[in-house]
């Protein structure tokens, strides 16, 4: 099973990652909680995040592909807003760098 390196919780059963703030260019932002997608004909009853498995209203685990950037509103792995996610309790687990998506150049 996968354990989040940021909060130490098992991602399959955790309702949320720990509370944190995101530092982007020296400014603090609050992370965007996960919102359940509307049910469709093809997908019903999907309450949890399909990538990191948090419940609606919970905070995504570090590295989740569905996390929304609090600065620009796009998915964080695709935007250019690189930042650092820090725990609010500033515990020994400290911080976890989030690597921004980089466009590959053709060689």
Foldseek 3Di string as FASTA:
>chain_A
DDAQLQQRHDQQPAQARAFWWKAFPNDTHGWDFDADDDADPVDPPPQADPFRGHGGVHYGGAPGQQTADRPPGHRQQADPGWIKIAHPVCDPSGIDGHDHHDDDDDD
